[in-house]
C-alpha atoms as a PDB file:
ATOM      1  CA  UNK A   1      -0.444 -10.824  -1.310  1.00  0.00           C
ATOM      2  CA  UNK A   2      -2.242  -7.540  -0.484  1.00  0.00           C
ATOM      3  CA  UNK A   3      -5.557  -9.364  -1.015  1.00  0.00           C
ATOM      4  CA  UNK A   4      -4.587 -12.104   1.435  1.00  0.00           C
ATOM      5  CA  UNK A   5      -3.537  -9.564   4.044  1.00  0.00           C
ATOM      6  CA  UNK A   6      -6.754  -7.599   3.527  1.00  0.00           C
ATOM      7  CA  UNK A   7      -8.881 -10.725   3.970  1.00  0.00           C
ATOM      8  CA  UNK A   8      -7.041 -11.674   7.140  1.00  0.00           C
ATOM      9  CA  UNK A   9      -7.446  -8.162   8.572  1.00  0.00           C
ATOM     10  CA  UNK A  10     -11.055  -7.714   7.374  1.00  0.00           C
ATOM     11  CA  UNK A  11      -9.932  -5.065   4.897  1.00  0.00           C
ATOM     12  CA  UNK A  12     -10.311  -4.454   1.209  1.00  0.00           C
ATOM     13  CA  UNK A  13      -8.096  -4.061  -1.817  1.00  0.00           C
ATOM     14  CA  UNK A  14      -9.014  -1.389  -4.333  1.00  0.00           C
ATOM     15  CA  UNK A  15      -7.382  -1.318  -7.745  1.00  0.00           C
ATOM     16  CA  UNK A  16      -7.450   2.119  -9.311  1.00  0.00           C
ATOM     17  CA  UNK A  17      -6.692   2.510 -12.975  1.00  0.00           C
ATOM     18  CA  UNK A  18      -4.211   5.248 -13.769  1.00  0.00           C
ATOM     19  CA  UNK A  19      -5.603   7.953 -16.003  1.00  0.00           C
ATOM     20  CA  UNK A  20      -4.755   7.395 -19.691  1.00  0.00           C
ATOM     21  CA  UNK A  21      -4.514   3.601 -19.269  1.00  0.00           C
ATOM     22  CA  UNK A  22      -7.230   1.092 -20.104  1.00  0.00           C
ATOM     23  CA  UNK A  23     -10.552   2.884 -20.437  1.00  0.00           C
ATOM     24  CA  UNK A  24      -9.529   5.878 -18.293  1.00  0.00           C
ATOM     25  CA  UNK A  25      -8.721   8.169 -21.188  1.00  0.00           C
ATOM     26  CA  UNK A  26     -10.247  11.572 -20.345  1.00  0.00           C
ATOM     27  CA  UNK A  27      -9.711  13.034 -23.820  1.00  0.00           C
ATOM     28  CA  UNK A  28      -9.289  11.716 -27.334  1.00  0.00           C
ATOM     29  CA  UNK A  29      -6.277  13.869 -28.146  1.00  0.00           C
ATOM     30  CA  UNK A  30      -2.863  12.252 -27.996  1.00  0.00           C
ATOM     31  CA  UNK A  31      -0.921  15.341 -28.992  1.00  0.00           C
ATOM     32  CA  UNK A  32       1.544  16.944 -26.598  1.00  0.00           C
ATOM     33  CA  UNK A  33      -1.157  19.405 -25.578  1.00  0.00           C
ATOM     34  CA  UNK A  34      -3.685  16.616 -25.097  1.00  0.00           C
ATOM     35  CA  UNK A  35      -1.332  14.639 -22.876  1.00  0.00           C
ATOM     36  CA  UNK A  36      -0.653  17.571 -20.554  1.00  0.00           C
ATOM     37  CA  UNK A  37      -2.656  15.832 -17.797  1.00  0.00           C
ATOM     38  CA  UNK A  38      -0.597  12.640 -18.091  1.00  0.00           C
ATOM     39  CA  UNK A  39       1.848  13.566 -15.336  1.00  0.00           C
ATOM     40  CA  UNK A  40       2.976  12.140 -12.020  1.00  0.00           C
ATOM     41  CA  UNK A  41       1.540  15.196 -10.246  1.00  0.00           C
ATOM     42  CA  UNK A  42      -1.859  14.601 -11.853  1.00  0.00           C
ATOM     43  CA  UNK A  43      -1.767  10.909 -10.906  1.00  0.00           C
ATOM     44  CA  UNK A  44      -1.043  11.845  -7.288  1.00  0.00           C
ATOM     45  CA  UNK A  45      -3.905  14.366  -7.337  1.00  0.00           C
ATOM     46  CA  UNK A  46      -6.252  11.716  -8.772  1.00  0.00           C
ATOM     47  CA  UNK A  47      -5.397   9.181  -6.058  1.00  0.00           C
ATOM     48  CA  UNK A  48      -5.615  11.807  -3.325  1.00  0.00           C
ATOM     49  CA  UNK A  49      -9.035  12.931  -4.580  1.00  0.00           C
ATOM     50  CA  UNK A  50     -10.255   9.335  -4.707  1.00  0.00           C
ATOM     51  CA  UNK A  51      -9.128   8.617  -1.131  1.00  0.00           C
ATOM     52  CA  UNK A  52     -10.799  11.786   0.176  1.00  0.00           C
ATOM     53  CA  UNK A  53     -14.138  11.353  -1.624  1.00  0.00           C
ATOM     54  CA  UNK A  54     -14.902   7.691  -2.347  1.00  0.00           C
ATOM     55  CA  UNK A  55     -17.777   5.951  -0.593  1.00  0.00           C
ATOM     56  CA  UNK A  56     -17.320   2.169  -0.751  1.00  0.00           C
ATOM     57  CA  UNK A  57     -20.171  -0.277  -0.149  1.00  0.00           C
ATOM     58  CA  UNK A  58     -19.555  -2.871   2.553  1.00  0.00           C
ATOM     59  CA  UNK A  59     -20.946  -6.365   3.027  1.00  0.00           C
ATOM     60  CA  UNK A  60     -23.277  -5.108   5.789  1.00  0.00           C
ATOM     61  CA  UNK A  61     -24.882  -2.563   3.484  1.00  0.00           C
ATOM     62  CA  UNK A  62     -23.096   0.429   4.991  1.00  0.00           C
ATOM     63  CA  UNK A  63     -20.621   2.631   3.199  1.00  0.00           C
ATOM     64  CA  UNK A  64     -16.997   3.110   4.097  1.00  0.00           C
ATOM     65  CA  UNK A  65     -15.829   6.625   3.461  1.00  0.00           C
ATOM     66  CA  UNK A  66     -12.843   8.816   4.162  1.00  0.00           C
ATOM     67  CA  UNK A  67     -11.688   8.880   7.764  1.00  0.00           C
ATOM     68  CA  UNK A  68     -13.328   5.535   8.641  1.00  0.00           C
ATOM     69  CA  UNK A  69     -10.326   3.296   7.952  1.00  0.00           C
ATOM     70  CA  UNK A  70      -6.642   3.701   7.169  1.00  0.00           C
ATOM     71  CA  UNK A  71      -5.498   3.634   3.563  1.00  0.00           C
ATOM     72  CA  UNK A  72      -2.362   1.783   2.543  1.00  0.00           C
ATOM     73  CA  UNK A  73      -1.136   2.533  -0.975  1.00  0.00           C
ATOM     74  CA  UNK A  74       1.149  -0.218  -2.248  1.00  0.00           C
ATOM     75  CA  UNK A  75       2.781  -1.129  -5.505  1.00  0.00           C
ATOM     76  CA  UNK A  76       5.950  -2.086  -7.262  1.00  0.00           C
ATOM     77  CA  UNK A  77       8.005  -0.256  -9.844  1.00  0.00           C
ATOM     78  CA  UNK A  78       6.065   2.838 -10.981  1.00  0.00           C
ATOM     79  CA  UNK A  79       3.154   2.157  -8.602  1.00  0.00           C
ATOM     80  CA  UNK A  80       5.636   1.828  -5.740  1.00  0.00           C
ATOM     81  CA  UNK A  81       7.160   5.148  -6.706  1.00  0.00           C
ATOM     82  CA  UNK A  82       3.670   6.682  -6.764  1.00  0.00           C
ATOM     83  CA  UNK A  83       3.060   5.274  -3.282  1.00  0.00           C
ATOM     84  CA  UNK A  84       6.193   7.005  -1.996  1.00  0.00           C
ATOM     85  CA  UNK A  85       5.422  10.265  -3.804  1.00  0.00           C
ATOM     86  CA  UNK A  86       1.836  10.217  -2.530  1.00  0.00           C
ATOM     87  CA  UNK A  87       3.158   9.834   1.004  1.00  0.00           C
ATOM     88  CA  UNK A  88       5.255  13.007   0.764  1.00  0.00           C
ATOM     89  CA  UNK A  89       2.745  15.023  -1.286  1.00  0.00           C
END
């Protein structure tokens, strides 16, 4: 549904992989010490950093960067919780 809304509004949907999932494993140490960055606070910081620094290519050849368009963070379950926590962070 977010993709359909984005298409209708001439927007975009960006899927960001949470650190430590898929191929986003920053270290090869799954001890307690190695997983110290696997926290909700770190996830919020990662998403905040991405939103403030990413430059996205557009169909016209330009780049869309921070401050050029609103960001809407959506999700269900854990991602929905992250969306709420990011809003108040």
